[in-house]
Amino acid sequence: SRDNAKNTVYLQMNSLKPEDTAVY
């Protein structure tokens, strides 16, 4: 999602798995 007024983008990550391990 993003908030254009704040120039910010978000990534909500649920049900995380070991294979999600990384530098984002």
mmCIF file of all heavy atoms, coordinates in Angstrom:
data_MODEL
# 
_entry.id   MODEL 
# 
loop_
_atom_site.group_PDB 
_atom_site.id 
_atom_site.type_symbol 
_atom_site.label_atom_id 
_atom_site.label_alt_id 
_atom_site.label_comp_id 
_atom_site.label_asym_id 
_atom_site.label_entity_id 
_atom_site.label_seq_id 
_atom_site.pdbx_PDB_ins_code 
_atom_site.Cartn_x 
_atom_site.Cartn_y 
_atom_site.Cartn_z 
_atom_site.occupancy 
_atom_site.B_iso_or_equiv 
_atom_site.pdbx_formal_charge 
_atom_site.auth_seq_id 
_atom_site.auth_comp_id 
_atom_site.auth_asym_id 
_atom_site.auth_atom_id 
_atom_site.pdbx_PDB_model_num 
ATOM 1   N N   . SER A 1 1  ? 0.845  -1.184  0.000  1.00 0.00 ? 1  SER A N   1 
ATOM 2   C CA  . SER A 1 1  ? 0.000  0.000   0.000  1.00 0.00 ? 1  SER A CA  1 
ATOM 3   C C   . SER A 1 1  ? 0.885  1.240   0.000  1.00 0.00 ? 1  SER A C   1 
ATOM 4   O O   . SER A 1 1  ? 2.102  1.152   0.184  1.00 0.00 ? 1  SER A O   1 
ATOM 5   C CB  . SER A 1 1  ? -0.942 0.003   1.208  1.00 0.00 ? 1  SER A CB  1 
ATOM 6   O OG  . SER A 1 1  ? -0.206 0.015   2.420  1.00 0.00 ? 1  SER A OG  1 
ATOM 7   N N   . ARG A 1 2  ? 0.278  2.401   -0.211 1.00 0.00 ? 2  ARG A N   1 
ATOM 8   C CA  . ARG A 1 2  ? 1.058  3.633   -0.224 1.00 0.00 ? 2  ARG A CA  1 
ATOM 9   C C   . ARG A 1 2  ? 0.235  4.794   0.300  1.00 0.00 ? 2  ARG A C   1 
ATOM 10  O O   . ARG A 1 2  ? -1.001 4.791   0.236  1.00 0.00 ? 2  ARG A O   1 
ATOM 11  C CB  . ARG A 1 2  ? 1.585  3.942   -1.631 1.00 0.00 ? 2  ARG A CB  1 
ATOM 12  C CG  . ARG A 1 2  ? 0.512  4.201   -2.670 1.00 0.00 ? 2  ARG A CG  1 
ATOM 13  C CD  . ARG A 1 2  ? 1.103  4.231   -4.077 1.00 0.00 ? 2  ARG A CD  1 
ATOM 14  N NE  . ARG A 1 2  ? 1.888  5.434   -4.319 1.00 0.00 ? 2  ARG A NE  1 
ATOM 15  C CZ  . ARG A 1 2  ? 2.659  5.636   -5.389 1.00 0.00 ? 2  ARG A CZ  1 
ATOM 16  N NH1 . ARG A 1 2  ? 2.770  4.687   -6.306 1.00 0.00 ? 2  ARG A NH1 1 
ATOM 17  N NH2 . ARG A 1 2  ? 3.332  6.770   -5.531 1.00 0.00 ? 2  ARG A NH2 1 
ATOM 18  N N   . ASP A 1 3  ? 0.937  5.782   0.807  1.00 0.00 ? 3  ASP A N   1 
ATOM 19  C CA  . ASP A 1 3  ? 0.345  7.025   1.263  1.00 0.00 ? 3  ASP A CA  1 
ATOM 20  C C   . ASP A 1 3  ? 1.040  8.129   0.483  1.00 0.00 ? 3  ASP A C   1 
ATOM 21  O O   . ASP A 1 3  ? 2.165  8.514   0.806  1.00 0.00 ? 3  ASP A O   1 
ATOM 22  C CB  . ASP A 1 3  ? 0.531  7.206   2.765  1.00 0.00 ? 3  ASP A CB  1 
ATOM 23  C CG  . ASP A 1 3  ? -0.186 8.425   3.304  1.00 0.00 ? 3  ASP A CG  1 
ATOM 24  O OD1 . ASP A 1 3  ? -0.446 9.369   2.543  1.00 0.00 ? 3  ASP A OD1 1 
ATOM 25  O OD2 . ASP A 1 3  ? -0.493 8.435   4.514  1.00 0.00 ? 3  ASP A OD2 1 
ATOM 26  N N   . ASN A 1 4  ? 0.383  8.620   -0.554 1.00 0.00 ? 4  ASN A N   1 
ATOM 27  C CA  . ASN A 1 4  ? 1.015  9.605   -1.431 1.00 0.00 ? 4  ASN A CA  1 
ATOM 28  C C   . ASN A 1 4  ? 1.310  10.923  -0.717 1.00 0.00 ? 4  ASN A C   1 
ATOM 29  O O   . ASN A 1 4  ? 2.270  11.612  -1.051 1.00 0.00 ? 4  ASN A O   1 
ATOM 30  C CB  . ASN A 1 4  ? 0.142  9.854   -2.658 1.00 0.00 ? 4  ASN A CB  1 
ATOM 31  C CG  . ASN A 1 4  ? 0.100  8.665   -3.589 1.00 0.00 ? 4  ASN A CG  1 
ATOM 32  O OD1 . ASN A 1 4  ? 1.034  7.863   -3.623 1.00 0.00 ? 4  ASN A OD1 1 
ATOM 33  N ND2 . ASN A 1 4  ? -0.969 8.544   -4.354 1.00 0.00 ? 4  ASN A ND2 1 
ATOM 34  N N   . ALA A 1 5  ? 0.491  11.283  0.256  1.00 0.00 ? 5  ALA A N   1 
ATOM 35  C CA  . ALA A 1 5  ? 0.720  12.513  1.004  1.00 0.00 ? 5  ALA A CA  1 
ATOM 36  C C   . ALA A 1 5  ? 1.997  12.438  1.826  1.00 0.00 ? 5  ALA A C   1 
ATOM 37  O O   . ALA A 1 5  ? 2.612  13.462  2.124  1.00 0.00 ? 5  ALA A O   1 
ATOM 38  C CB  . ALA A 1 5  ? -0.466 12.819  1.903  1.00 0.00 ? 5  ALA A CB  1 
ATOM 39  N N   . LYS A 1 6  ? 2.393  11.226  2.206  1.00 0.00 ? 6  LYS A N   1 
ATOM 40  C CA  . LYS A 1 6  ? 3.596  11.024  3.003  1.00 0.00 ? 6  LYS A CA  1 
ATOM 41  C C   . LYS A 1 6  ? 4.767  10.494  2.186  1.00 0.00 ? 6  LYS A C   1 
ATOM 42  O O   . LYS A 1 6  ? 5.841  10.247  2.744  1.00 0.00 ? 6  LYS A O   1 
ATOM 43  C CB  . LYS A 1 6  ? 3.314  10.063  4.156  1.00 0.00 ? 6  LYS A CB  1 
ATOM 44  C CG  . LYS A 1 6  ? 2.298  10.575  5.154  1.00 0.00 ? 6  LYS A CG  1 
ATOM 45  C CD  . LYS A 1 6  ? 2.079  9.572   6.274  1.00 0.00 ? 6  LYS A CD  1 
ATOM 46  C CE  . LYS A 1 6  ? 1.086  10.101  7.290  1.00 0.00 ? 6  LYS A CE  1 
ATOM 47  N NZ  . LYS A 1 6  ? 0.845  9.135   8.386  1.00 0.00 ? 6  LYS A NZ  1 
ATOM 48  N N   . ASN A 1 7  ? 4.564  10.304  0.878  1.00 0.00 ? 7  ASN A N   1 
ATOM 49  C CA  . ASN A 1 7  ? 5.600  9.737   0.012  1.00 0.00 ? 7  ASN A CA  1 
ATOM 50  C C   . ASN A 1 7  ? 6.155  8.434   0.585  1.00 0.00 ? 7  ASN A C   1 
ATOM 51  O O   . ASN A 1 7  ? 7.364  8.206   0.591  1.00 0.00 ? 7  ASN A O   1 
ATOM 52  C CB  . ASN A 1 7  ? 6.737  10.744  -0.207 1.00 0.00 ? 7  ASN A CB  1 
ATOM 53  C CG  . ASN A 1 7  ? 6.331  11.903  -1.091 1.00 0.00 ? 7  ASN A CG  1 
ATOM 54  O OD1 . ASN A 1 7  ? 5.448  11.773  -1.942 1.00 0.00 ? 7  ASN A OD1 1 
ATOM 55  N ND2 . ASN A 1 7  ? 6.976  13.039  -0.908 1.00 0.00 ? 7  ASN A ND2 1 
ATOM 56  N N   . THR A 1 8  ? 5.253  7.593   1.033  1.00 0.00 ? 8  THR A N   1 
ATOM 57  C CA  . THR A 1 8  ? 5.638  6.372   1.719  1.00 0.00 ? 8  THR A CA  1 
ATOM 58  C C   . THR A 1 8  ? 4.908  5.168   1.141  1.00 0.00 ? 8  THR A C   1 
ATOM 59  O O   . THR A 1 8  ? 3.720  5.247   0.832  1.00 0.00 ? 8  THR A O   1 
ATOM 60  C CB  . THR A 1 8  ? 5.342  6.476   3.222  1.00 0.00 ? 8  THR A CB  1 
ATOM 61  O OG1 . THR A 1 8  ? 6.094  7.569   3.772  1.00 0.00 ? 8  THR A OG1 1 
ATOM 62  C CG2 . THR A 1 8  ? 5.734  5.203   3.950  1.00 0.00 ? 8  THR A CG2 1 
ATOM 63  N N   . VAL A 1 9  ? 5.632  4.066   1.010  1.00 0.00 ? 9  VAL A N   1 
ATOM 64  C CA  . VAL A 1 9  ? 5.056  2.806   0.587  1.00 0.00 ? 9  VAL A CA  1 
ATOM 65  C C   . VAL A 1 9  ? 5.277  1.784   1.700  1.00 0.00 ? 9  VAL A C   1 
ATOM 66  O O   . VAL A 1 9  ? 6.290  1.823   2.398  1.00 0.00 ? 9  VAL A O   1 
ATOM 67  C CB  . VAL A 1 9  ? 5.662  2.319   -0.750 1.00 0.00 ? 9  VAL A CB  1 
ATOM 68  C CG1 . VAL A 1 9  ? 7.155  2.056   -0.622 1.00 0.00 ? 9  VAL A CG1 1 
ATOM 69  C CG2 . VAL A 1 9  ? 4.939  1.074   -1.257 1.00 0.00 ? 9  VAL A CG2 1 
ATOM 70  N N   . TYR A 1 10 ? 4.309  0.875   1.851  1.00 0.00 ? 10 TYR A N   1 
ATOM 71  C CA  . TYR A 1 10 ? 4.353  -0.122  2.909  1.00 0.00 ? 10 TYR A CA  1 
ATOM 72  C C   . TYR A 1 10 ? 4.262  -1.526  2.321  1.00 0.00 ? 10 TYR A C   1 
ATOM 73  O O   . TYR A 1 10 ? 3.713  -1.731  1.240  1.00 0.00 ? 10 TYR A O   1 
ATOM 74  C CB  . TYR A 1 10 ? 3.194  0.062   3.890  1.00 0.00 ? 10 TYR A CB  1 
ATOM 75  C CG  . TYR A 1 10 ? 3.091  1.447   4.473  1.00 0.00 ? 10 TYR A CG  1 
ATOM 76  C CD1 . TYR A 1 10 ? 2.269  2.404   3.885  1.00 0.00 ? 10 TYR A CD1 1 
ATOM 77  C CD2 . TYR A 1 10 ? 3.803  1.803   5.609  1.00 0.00 ? 10 TYR A CD2 1 
ATOM 78  C CE1 . TYR A 1 10 ? 2.163  3.679   4.410  1.00 0.00 ? 10 TYR A CE1 1 
ATOM 79  C CE2 . TYR A 1 10 ? 3.707  3.072   6.146  1.00 0.00 ? 10 TYR A CE2 1 
ATOM 80  C CZ  . TYR A 1 10 ? 2.887  4.004   5.545  1.00 0.00 ? 10 TYR A CZ  1 
ATOM 81  O OH  . TYR A 1 10 ? 2.790  5.265   6.075  1.00 0.00 ? 10 TYR A OH  1 
ATOM 82  N N   . LEU A 1 11 ? 4.781  -2.477  3.066  1.00 0.00 ? 11 LEU A N   1 
ATOM 83  C CA  . LEU A 1 11 ? 4.604  -3.882  2.733  1.00 0.00 ? 11 LEU A CA  1 
ATOM 84  C C   . LEU A 1 11 ? 4.225  -4.621  4.007  1.00 0.00 ? 11 LEU A C   1 
ATOM 85  O O   . LEU A 1 11 ? 5.065  -4.819  4.888  1.00 0.00 ? 11 LEU A O   1 
ATOM 86  C CB  . LEU A 1 11 ? 5.876  -4.479  2.128  1.00 0.00 ? 11 LEU A CB  1 
ATOM 87  C CG  . LEU A 1 11 ? 5.739  -5.914  1.621  1.00 0.00 ? 11 LEU A CG  1 
ATOM 88  C CD1 . LEU A 1 11 ? 4.819  -5.960  0.398  1.00 0.00 ? 11 LEU A CD1 1 
ATOM 89  C CD2 . LEU A 1 11 ? 7.101  -6.506  1.276  1.00 0.00 ? 11 LEU A CD2 1 
ATOM 90  N N   . GLN A 1 12 ? 2.952  -4.993  4.103  1.00 0.00 ? 12 GLN A N   1 
ATOM 91  C CA  . GLN A 1 12 ? 2.476  -5.786  5.222  1.00 0.00 ? 12 GLN A CA  1 
ATOM 92  C C   . GLN A 1 12 ? 2.706  -7.250  4.898  1.00 0.00 ? 12 GLN A C   1 
ATOM 93  O O   . GLN A 1 12 ? 2.171  -7.764  3.917  1.00 0.00 ? 12 GLN A O   1 
ATOM 94  C CB  . GLN A 1 12 ? 0.991  -5.525  5.478  1.00 0.00 ? 12 GLN A CB  1 
ATOM 95  C CG  . GLN A 1 12 ? 0.394  -6.344  6.612  1.00 0.00 ? 12 GLN A CG  1 
ATOM 96  C CD  . GLN A 1 12 ? 0.958  -5.976  7.959  1.00 0.00 ? 12 GLN A CD  1 
ATOM 97  O OE1 . GLN A 1 12 ? 1.083  -4.799  8.281  1.00 0.00 ? 12 GLN A OE1 1 
ATOM 98  N NE2 . GLN A 1 12 ? 1.314  -6.976  8.754  1.00 0.00 ? 12 GLN A NE2 1 
ATOM 99  N N   . MET A 1 13 ? 3.489  -7.928  5.715  1.00 0.00 ? 13 MET A N   1 
ATOM 100 C CA  . MET A 1 13 ? 3.862  -9.312  5.472  1.00 0.00 ? 13 MET A CA  1 
ATOM 101 C C   . MET A 1 13 ? 3.277  -10.182 6.571  1.00 0.00 ? 13 MET A C   1 
ATOM 102 O O   . MET A 1 13 ? 3.684  -10.091 7.733  1.00 0.00 ? 13 MET A O   1 
ATOM 103 C CB  . MET A 1 13 ? 5.382  -9.467  5.419  1.00 0.00 ? 13 MET A CB  1 
ATOM 104 C CG  . MET A 1 13 ? 6.057  -8.554  4.395  1.00 0.00 ? 13 MET A CG  1 
ATOM 105 S SD  . MET A 1 13 ? 7.840  -8.846  4.260  1.00 0.00 ? 13 MET A SD  1 
ATOM 106 C CE  . MET A 1 13 ? 8.366  -8.329  5.899  1.00 0.00 ? 13 MET A CE  1 
ATOM 107 N N   . ASN A 1 14 ? 2.317  -11.017 6.206  1.00 0.00 ? 14 ASN A N   1 
ATOM 108 C CA  . ASN A 1 14 ? 1.678  -11.929 7.140  1.00 0.00 ? 14 ASN A CA  1 
ATOM 109 C C   . ASN A 1 14 ? 2.063  -13.368 6.813  1.00 0.00 ? 14 ASN A C   1 
ATOM 110 O O   . ASN A 1 14 ? 2.517  -13.672 5.714  1.00 0.00 ? 14 ASN A O   1 
ATOM 111 C CB  . ASN A 1 14 ? 0.157  -11.783 7.081  1.00 0.00 ? 14 ASN A CB  1 
ATOM 112 C CG  . ASN A 1 14 ? -0.324 -10.410 7.478  1.00 0.00 ? 14 ASN A CG  1 
ATOM 113 O OD1 . ASN A 1 14 ? 0.276  -9.751  8.328  1.00 0.00 ? 14 ASN A OD1 1 
ATOM 114 N ND2 . ASN A 1 14 ? -1.431 -9.972  6.878  1.00 0.00 ? 14 ASN A ND2 1 
ATOM 115 N N   . SER A 1 15 ? 1.853  -14.249 7.772  1.00 0.00 ? 15 SER A N   1 
ATOM 116 C CA  . SER A 1 15 ? 2.134  -15.678 7.597  1.00 0.00 ? 15 SER A CA  1 
ATOM 117 C C   . SER A 1 15 ? 3.521  -15.908 7.013  1.00 0.00 ? 15 SER A C   1 
ATOM 118 O O   . SER A 1 15 ? 3.703  -16.659 6.056  1.00 0.00 ? 15 SER A O   1 
ATOM 119 C CB  . SER A 1 15 ? 1.065  -16.318 6.700  1.00 0.00 ? 15 SER A CB  1 
ATOM 120 O OG  . SER A 1 15 ? -0.227 -16.157 7.247  1.00 0.00 ? 15 SER A OG  1 
ATOM 121 N N   . LEU A 1 16 ? 4.494  -15.270 7.602  1.00 0.00 ? 16 LEU A N   1 
ATOM 122 C CA  . LEU A 1 16 ? 5.854  -15.330 7.075  1.00 0.00 ? 16 LEU A CA  1 
ATOM 123 C C   . LEU A 1 16 ? 6.414  -16.747 7.133  1.00 0.00 ? 16 LEU A C   1 
ATOM 124 O O   . LEU A 1 16 ? 6.136  -17.510 8.062  1.00 0.00 ? 16 LEU A O   1 
ATOM 125 C CB  . LEU A 1 16 ? 6.760  -14.378 7.842  1.00 0.00 ? 16 LEU A CB  1 
ATOM 126 C CG  . LEU A 1 16 ? 6.613  -12.907 7.434  1.00 0.00 ? 16 LEU A CG  1 
ATOM 127 C CD1 . LEU A 1 16 ? 7.198  -11.992 8.491  1.00 0.00 ? 16 LEU A CD1 1 
ATOM 128 C CD2 . LEU A 1 16 ? 7.291  -12.671 6.082  1.00 0.00 ? 16 LEU A CD2 1 
ATOM 129 N N   . LYS A 1 17 ? 7.189  -17.076 6.118  1.00 0.00 ? 17 LYS A N   1 
ATOM 130 C CA  . LYS A 1 17 ? 7.823  -18.378 5.982  1.00 0.00 ? 17 LYS A CA  1 
ATOM 131 C C   . LYS A 1 17 ? 9.335  -18.220 5.958  1.00 0.00 ? 17 LYS A C   1 
ATOM 132 O O   . LYS A 1 17 ? 9.839  -17.161 5.584  1.00 0.00 ? 17 LYS A O   1 
ATOM 133 C CB  . LYS A 1 17 ? 7.372  -19.056 4.679  1.00 0.00 ? 17 LYS A CB  1 
ATOM 134 C CG  . LYS A 1 17 ? 5.873  -19.205 4.527  1.00 0.00 ? 17 LYS A CG  1 
ATOM 135 C CD  . LYS A 1 17 ? 5.531  -19.760 3.148  1.00 0.00 ? 17 LYS A CD  1 
ATOM 136 C CE  . LYS A 1 17 ? 4.045  -19.919 2.975  1.00 0.00 ? 17 LYS A CE  1 
ATOM 137 N NZ  . LYS A 1 17 ? 3.699  -20.435 1.624  1.00 0.00 ? 17 LYS A NZ  1 
ATOM 138 N N   . PRO A 1 18 ? 10.078 -19.262 6.322  1.00 0.00 ? 18 PRO A N   1 
ATOM 139 C CA  . PRO A 1 18 ? 11.541 -19.165 6.262  1.00 0.00 ? 18 PRO A CA  1 
ATOM 140 C C   . PRO A 1 18 ? 12.060 -18.760 4.883  1.00 0.00 ? 18 PRO A C   1 
ATOM 141 O O   . PRO A 1 18 ? 13.070 -18.050 4.801  1.00 0.00 ? 18 PRO A O   1 
ATOM 142 C CB  . PRO A 1 18 ? 12.004 -20.578 6.634  1.00 0.00 ? 18 PRO A CB  1 
ATOM 143 C CG  . PRO A 1 18 ? 10.928 -21.078 7.536  1.00 0.00 ? 18 PRO A CG  1 
ATOM 144 C CD  . PRO A 1 18 ? 9.648  -20.524 6.956  1.00 0.00 ? 18 PRO A CD  1 
ATOM 145 N N   . GLU A 1 19 ? 11.384 -19.172 3.823  1.00 0.00 ? 19 GLU A N   1 
ATOM 146 C CA  . GLU A 1 19 ? 11.816 -18.817 2.480  1.00 0.00 ? 19 GLU A CA  1 
ATOM 147 C C   . GLU A 1 19 ? 11.610 -17.340 2.143  1.00 0.00 ? 19 GLU A C   1 
ATOM 148 O O   . GLU A 1 19 ? 12.057 -16.876 1.091  1.00 0.00 ? 19 GLU A O   1 
ATOM 149 C CB  . GLU A 1 19 ? 11.127 -19.693 1.422  1.00 0.00 ? 19 GLU A CB  1 
ATOM 150 C CG  . GLU A 1 19 ? 9.622  -19.761 1.563  1.00 0.00 ? 19 GLU A CG  1 
ATOM 151 C CD  . GLU A 1 19 ? 9.156  -21.010 2.294  1.00 0.00 ? 19 GLU A CD  1 
ATOM 152 O OE1 . GLU A 1 19 ? 9.743  -21.328 3.351  1.00 0.00 ? 19 GLU A OE1 1 
ATOM 153 O OE2 . GLU A 1 19 ? 8.218  -21.670 1.815  1.00 0.00 ? 19 GLU A OE2 1 
ATOM 154 N N   . ASP A 1 20 ? 10.940 -16.589 3.023  1.00 0.00 ? 20 ASP A N   1 
ATOM 155 C CA  . ASP A 1 20 ? 10.819 -15.146 2.855  1.00 0.00 ? 20 ASP A CA  1 
ATOM 156 C C   . ASP A 1 20 ? 12.063 -14.410 3.342  1.00 0.00 ? 20 ASP A C   1 
ATOM 157 O O   . ASP A 1 20 ? 12.169 -13.197 3.148  1.00 0.00 ? 20 ASP A O   1 
ATOM 158 C CB  . ASP A 1 20 ? 9.600  -14.611 3.607  1.00 0.00 ? 20 ASP A CB  1 
ATOM 159 C CG  . ASP A 1 20 ? 8.286  -15.130 3.052  1.00 0.00 ? 20 ASP A CG  1 
ATOM 160 O OD1 . ASP A 1 20 ? 8.147  -15.208 1.814  1.00 0.00 ? 20 ASP A OD1 1 
ATOM 161 O OD2 . ASP A 1 20 ? 7.396  -15.459 3.859  1.00 0.00 ? 20 ASP A OD2 1 
ATOM 162 N N   . THR A 1 21 ? 12.970 -15.117 3.984  1.00 0.00 ? 21 THR A N   1 
ATOM 163 C CA  . THR A 1 21 ? 14.189 -14.496 4.493  1.00 0.00 ? 21 THR A CA  1 
ATOM 164 C C   . THR A 1 21 ? 14.995 -13.882 3.351  1.00 0.00 ? 21 THR A C   1 
ATOM 165 O O   . THR A 1 21 ? 15.333 -14.560 2.382  1.00 0.00 ? 21 THR A O   1 
ATOM 166 C CB  . THR A 1 21 ? 15.043 -15.524 5.238  1.00 0.00 ? 21 THR A CB  1 
ATOM 167 O OG1 . THR A 1 21 ? 14.330 -15.974 6.398  1.00 0.00 ? 21 THR A OG1 1 
ATOM 168 C CG2 . THR A 1 21 ? 16.367 -14.918 5.671  1.00 0.00 ? 21 THR A CG2 1 
ATOM 169 N N   . ALA A 1 22 ? 15.293 -12.594 3.471  1.00 0.00 ? 22 ALA A N   1 
ATOM 170 C CA  . ALA A 1 22 ? 16.008 -11.869 2.431  1.00 0.00 ? 22 ALA A CA  1 
ATOM 171 C C   . ALA A 1 22 ? 16.235 -10.436 2.880  1.00 0.00 ? 22 ALA A C   1 
ATOM 172 O O   . ALA A 1 22 ? 15.681 -9.990  3.887  1.00 0.00 ? 22 ALA A O   1 
ATOM 173 C CB  . ALA A 1 22 ? 15.209 -11.872 1.118  1.00 0.00 ? 22 ALA A CB  1 
ATOM 174 N N   . VAL A 1 23 ? 17.041 -9.726  2.118  1.00 0.00 ? 23 VAL A N   1 
ATOM 175 C CA  . VAL A 1 23 ? 17.113 -8.282  2.246  1.00 0.00 ? 23 VAL A CA  1 
ATOM 176 C C   . VAL A 1 23 ? 16.046 -7.697  1.334  1.00 0.00 ? 23 VAL A C   1 
ATOM 177 O O   . VAL A 1 23 ? 16.000 -8.021  0.146  1.00 0.00 ? 23 VAL A O   1 
ATOM 178 C CB  . VAL A 1 23 ? 18.499 -7.728  1.872  1.00 0.00 ? 23 VAL A CB  1 
ATOM 179 C CG1 . VAL A 1 23 ? 18.503 -6.206  1.945  1.00 0.00 ? 23 VAL A CG1 1 
ATOM 180 C CG2 . VAL A 1 23 ? 19.564 -8.304  2.794  1.00 0.00 ? 23 VAL A CG2 1 
ATOM 181 N N   . TYR A 1 24 ? 15.201 -6.856  1.883  1.00 0.00 ? 24 TYR A N   1 
ATOM 182 C CA  . TYR A 1 24 ? 14.104 -6.261  1.130  1.00 0.00 ? 24 TYR A CA  1 
ATOM 183 C C   . TYR A 1 24 ? 14.462 -4.832  0.752  1.00 0.00 ? 24 TYR A C   1 
ATOM 184 O O   . TYR A 1 24 ? 14.863 -4.030  1.601  1.00 0.00 ? 24 TYR A O   1 
ATOM 185 C CB  . TYR A 1 24 ? 12.814 -6.289  1.953  1.00 0.00 ? 24 TYR A CB  1 
ATOM 186 C CG  . TYR A 1 24 ? 12.173 -7.650  1.997  1.00 0.00 ? 24 TYR A CG  1 
ATOM 187 C CD1 . TYR A 1 24 ? 12.770 -8.687  2.710  1.00 0.00 ? 24 TYR A CD1 1 
ATOM 188 C CD2 . TYR A 1 24 ? 10.988 -7.915  1.320  1.00 0.00 ? 24 TYR A CD2 1 
ATOM 189 C CE1 . TYR A 1 24 ? 12.202 -9.950  2.734  1.00 0.00 ? 24 TYR A CE1 1 
ATOM 190 C CE2 . TYR A 1 24 ? 10.411 -9.170  1.343  1.00 0.00 ? 24 TYR A CE2 1 
ATOM 191 C CZ  . TYR A 1 24 ? 11.029 -10.183 2.052  1.00 0.00 ? 24 TYR A CZ  1 
ATOM 192 O OH  . TYR A 1 24 ? 10.457 -11.441 2.080  1.00 0.00 ? 24 TYR A OH  1 
# 
